[in-house]
Amino acid sequence: MTLTRLTPEDYITTRWSGGATTELLIRPRGTAYAQRAFLCRISSATVELDESTFTPLPDYDRLIATLEGEIDLIHDGGDSIHLRPYEVHAFDGGSATRSYGRCRDFNLMLRKGRAKGSLLPLTVSGVFALSLSPDTQTALLYCVSGPCTAAGVPLSPGESLLLEDVDVPVLSLRGDPQARLMLAEITV
């Protein structure tokens, strides 16, 4: 298994119509979000407008959680879905999606039929054993607040631990106090 500590200097931040998005991970390496040829992408974005429209991504399944603030999402003109911090919502990236409210969120995008994955919010105070899904190949632990230590690697807020070629079912986490993390697990 390969462990890589990522800092904000390793990320790519760009503007979108409703705020800014920071790409934490994209696979395969070297692919670009704009080309829509990626298998998976993890990002954190700010929603800076009271109303915004999500970019349609018909070839992708999406998972989203707010990290700060609350938003309401409406897919294809349906019922409103209210998201509070750290609530995970999965939806079809091809849905016409409107958001209402300002927030900072965490996103996982997965190519339909080619990648699967999950998002899990974690609160860590003291020592904690994290069990990964048995089929996870790649995982990213993003430190929202901290500090914390994951698999012996110290993380400050905004930093991540990337785990590739995962072969360990349990990781040791230590948080001080009430560290908040987001875990993205991916299988391609």
Protein backbone atom coordinates (compact mmCIF):
# COMPACT_ATOMS: atom_id res chain seq x y z
CA MET A 1 0.00 0.00 0.00
CA THR A 2 1.22 3.49 -0.83
CA LEU A 3 0.52 6.39 1.54
CA THR A 4 0.86 9.97 0.31
CA ARG A 5 0.25 13.09 2.39
CA LEU A 6 -1.36 15.81 0.26
CA THR A 7 -1.34 19.49 1.19
CA PRO A 8 -3.20 22.43 -0.39
CA GLU A 9 -0.15 22.99 -2.63
CA ASP A 10 -0.91 19.60 -4.26
CA TYR A 11 -4.50 20.54 -5.15
CA ILE A 12 -5.87 22.41 -8.16
CA THR A 13 -8.37 25.21 -7.47
CA THR A 14 -10.53 26.71 -10.23
CA ARG A 15 -13.65 28.86 -10.44
CA TRP A 16 -17.06 27.52 -11.38
CA SER A 17 -20.22 29.56 -11.99
CA GLY A 18 -21.23 29.46 -8.31
CA GLY A 19 -17.89 29.64 -6.48
CA ALA A 20 -14.56 27.82 -6.39
CA THR A 21 -13.73 24.13 -6.58
CA THR A 22 -10.58 22.44 -5.31
CA GLU A 23 -9.68 19.16 -6.96
CA LEU A 24 -8.12 16.86 -4.37
CA LEU A 25 -7.80 13.78 -6.60
CA ILE A 26 -8.58 12.71 -10.15
CA ARG A 27 -7.94 9.30 -11.71
CA PRO A 28 -6.49 8.21 -13.99
CA ARG A 29 -3.60 10.59 -13.37
CA GLY A 30 -3.24 13.22 -16.04
CA THR A 31 -6.91 13.36 -16.99
CA ALA A 32 -8.71 16.67 -16.83
CA TYR A 33 -12.11 17.35 -15.34
CA ALA A 34 -13.08 19.52 -18.33
CA GLN A 35 -12.56 16.60 -20.75
CA ARG A 36 -14.96 14.34 -18.77
CA ALA A 37 -12.71 11.30 -19.32
CA PHE A 38 -11.92 10.62 -15.66
CA LEU A 39 -13.00 7.53 -13.71
CA CYS A 40 -13.21 9.27 -10.35
CA ARG A 41 -12.73 12.73 -8.92
CA ILE A 42 -12.74 14.05 -5.36
CA SER A 43 -13.17 17.75 -4.76
CA SER A 44 -14.28 20.35 -2.26
CA ALA A 45 -16.22 23.36 -3.50
CA THR A 46 -17.65 26.58 -2.19
CA VAL A 47 -21.16 27.57 -3.16
CA GLU A 48 -21.08 31.36 -2.95
CA LEU A 49 -24.47 32.19 -4.49
CA ASP A 50 -27.89 31.84 -2.88
CA GLU A 51 -29.00 29.89 -5.99
CA SER A 52 -26.80 27.94 -8.38
CA THR A 53 -26.99 25.24 -11.02
CA PHE A 54 -24.75 22.19 -10.84
CA THR A 55 -22.80 21.24 -13.96
CA PRO A 56 -24.57 18.30 -15.61
CA LEU A 57 -22.42 15.15 -15.62
CA PRO A 58 -24.60 12.46 -17.26
CA ASP A 59 -21.85 9.82 -17.28
CA TYR A 60 -21.23 10.07 -13.52
CA ASP A 61 -22.79 9.16 -10.20
CA ARG A 62 -22.21 11.83 -7.56
CA LEU A 63 -22.00 11.91 -3.79
CA ILE A 64 -21.98 15.19 -1.89
CA ALA A 65 -21.81 16.30 1.73
CA THR A 66 -21.67 19.81 3.13
CA LEU A 67 -18.74 20.62 5.41
CA GLU A 68 -19.93 24.11 6.39
CA GLY A 69 -23.38 25.57 5.92
CA GLU A 70 -26.58 23.97 4.71
CA ILE A 71 -28.08 23.70 1.23
CA ASP A 72 -31.25 22.50 -0.42
CA LEU A 73 -30.95 20.49 -3.64
CA ILE A 74 -33.66 19.94 -6.22
CA HIS A 75 -33.07 17.31 -8.91
CA ASP A 76 -35.12 17.44 -12.12
CA GLY A 77 -37.72 19.72 -10.54
CA GLY A 78 -38.52 17.17 -7.79
CA ASP A 79 -38.74 17.54 -4.04
CA SER A 80 -36.23 19.62 -2.12
CA ILE A 81 -33.52 17.70 -0.25
CA HIS A 82 -32.04 19.55 2.74
CA LEU A 83 -28.38 18.81 3.54
CA ARG A 84 -26.91 19.66 6.91
CA PRO A 85 -23.16 19.43 7.54
CA TYR A 86 -21.74 15.94 7.06
CA GLU A 87 -24.95 14.43 5.64
CA VAL A 88 -24.10 12.46 2.47
CA HIS A 89 -26.43 12.56 -0.54
CA ALA A 90 -26.02 10.41 -3.67
CA PHE A 91 -27.53 11.43 -7.01
CA ASP A 92 -27.30 10.96 -10.76
CA GLY A 93 -24.85 13.47 -12.19
CA GLY A 94 -27.07 13.82 -15.25
CA SER A 95 -29.95 15.23 -13.22
CA ALA A 96 -30.75 18.91 -13.67
CA THR A 97 -29.71 20.02 -10.17
CA ARG A 98 -30.34 23.37 -8.52
CA SER A 99 -28.93 24.33 -5.15
CA TYR A 100 -30.20 26.91 -2.70
CA GLY A 101 -27.98 28.19 0.09
CA ARG A 102 -24.29 28.80 0.62
CA CYS A 103 -21.86 26.16 1.83
CA ARG A 104 -18.54 24.43 1.46
CA ASP A 105 -19.02 20.88 0.26
CA PHE A 106 -17.15 17.65 -0.43
CA ASN A 107 -17.79 15.71 -3.65
CA LEU A 108 -17.08 12.28 -5.07
CA MET A 109 -17.75 11.71 -8.78
CA LEU A 110 -17.69 8.16 -10.15
CA ARG A 111 -17.88 7.06 -13.80
CA LYS A 112 -21.06 5.00 -14.20
CA GLY A 113 -20.33 1.31 -14.72
CA ARG A 114 -16.58 1.78 -14.25
CA ALA A 115 -16.10 2.99 -10.67
CA LYS A 116 -17.92 2.71 -7.40
CA GLY A 117 -17.33 4.30 -4.06
CA SER A 118 -18.63 5.87 -0.89
CA LEU A 119 -18.27 8.92 1.34
CA LEU A 120 -18.19 8.65 5.10
CA PRO A 121 -17.93 11.54 7.57
CA LEU A 122 -15.84 10.74 10.65
CA THR A 123 -15.49 12.36 14.05
CA VAL A 124 -12.35 11.20 15.84
CA SER A 125 -11.53 11.99 19.44
CA GLY A 126 -8.71 9.96 20.89
CA VAL A 127 -7.68 6.71 19.16
CA PHE A 128 -10.00 5.11 16.63
CA ALA A 129 -9.71 2.04 14.40
CA LEU A 130 -11.12 2.64 10.92
CA SER A 131 -12.26 -0.39 8.94
CA LEU A 132 -12.12 0.07 5.18
CA SER A 133 -14.46 -1.75 2.80
CA PRO A 134 -12.85 -5.01 1.63
CA ASP A 135 -12.93 -4.06 -2.08
CA THR A 136 -11.47 -0.54 -1.64
CA GLN A 137 -8.50 0.08 -3.94
CA THR A 138 -8.03 3.80 -3.30
CA ALA A 139 -9.05 5.85 -0.28
CA LEU A 140 -8.65 9.51 0.62
CA LEU A 141 -8.94 10.84 4.16
CA TYR A 142 -9.52 14.60 4.11
CA CYS A 143 -8.92 16.49 7.36
CA VAL A 144 -11.69 19.07 7.75
CA SER A 145 -10.75 20.05 11.30
CA GLY A 146 -8.09 18.66 13.52
CA PRO A 147 -5.29 18.08 13.93
CA CYS A 148 -5.30 14.32 13.55
CA THR A 149 -3.04 11.41 12.69
CA ALA A 150 -4.01 8.71 10.17
CA ALA A 151 -1.89 5.57 9.78
CA GLY A 152 0.92 7.40 11.58
CA VAL A 153 0.77 10.42 9.22
CA PRO A 154 -0.01 13.79 10.89
CA LEU A 155 -2.69 15.86 9.12
CA SER A 156 -3.73 19.47 9.61
CA PRO A 157 -7.03 20.94 8.38
CA GLY A 158 -7.08 21.01 4.57
CA GLU A 159 -4.59 18.16 4.20
CA SER A 160 -5.34 14.63 3.00
CA LEU A 161 -3.91 11.15 3.24
CA LEU A 162 -4.12 9.25 -0.04
CA LEU A 163 -4.04 5.46 0.23
CA GLU A 164 -3.43 3.59 -3.03
CA ASP A 165 -3.30 -0.16 -3.67
CA VAL A 166 -5.04 -0.61 -0.33
CA ASP A 167 -4.16 -3.90 1.32
CA VAL A 168 -4.77 -3.10 5.00
CA PRO A 169 -8.36 -3.54 6.26
CA VAL A 170 -7.95 -1.33 9.37
CA LEU A 171 -6.25 2.03 9.85
CA SER A 172 -5.41 3.71 13.12
CA LEU A 173 -6.72 7.27 13.55
CA ARG A 174 -6.03 9.69 16.37
CA GLY A 175 -7.86 12.98 16.73
CA ASP A 176 -7.39 15.90 19.06
CA PRO A 177 -10.15 16.79 20.14
CA GLN A 178 -13.18 16.10 17.95
CA ALA A 179 -11.25 16.00 14.67
CA ARG A 180 -13.54 15.85 11.62
CA LEU A 181 -12.58 13.92 8.50
CA MET A 182 -14.21 12.83 5.25
CA LEU A 183 -13.35 9.39 3.93
CA ALA A 184 -13.78 8.63 0.24
CA GLU A 185 -13.36 4.98 -0.78
CA ILE A 186 -13.07 4.03 -4.46
CA THR A 187 -12.98 0.82 -6.46
CA VAL A 188 -12.29 0.98 -10.21
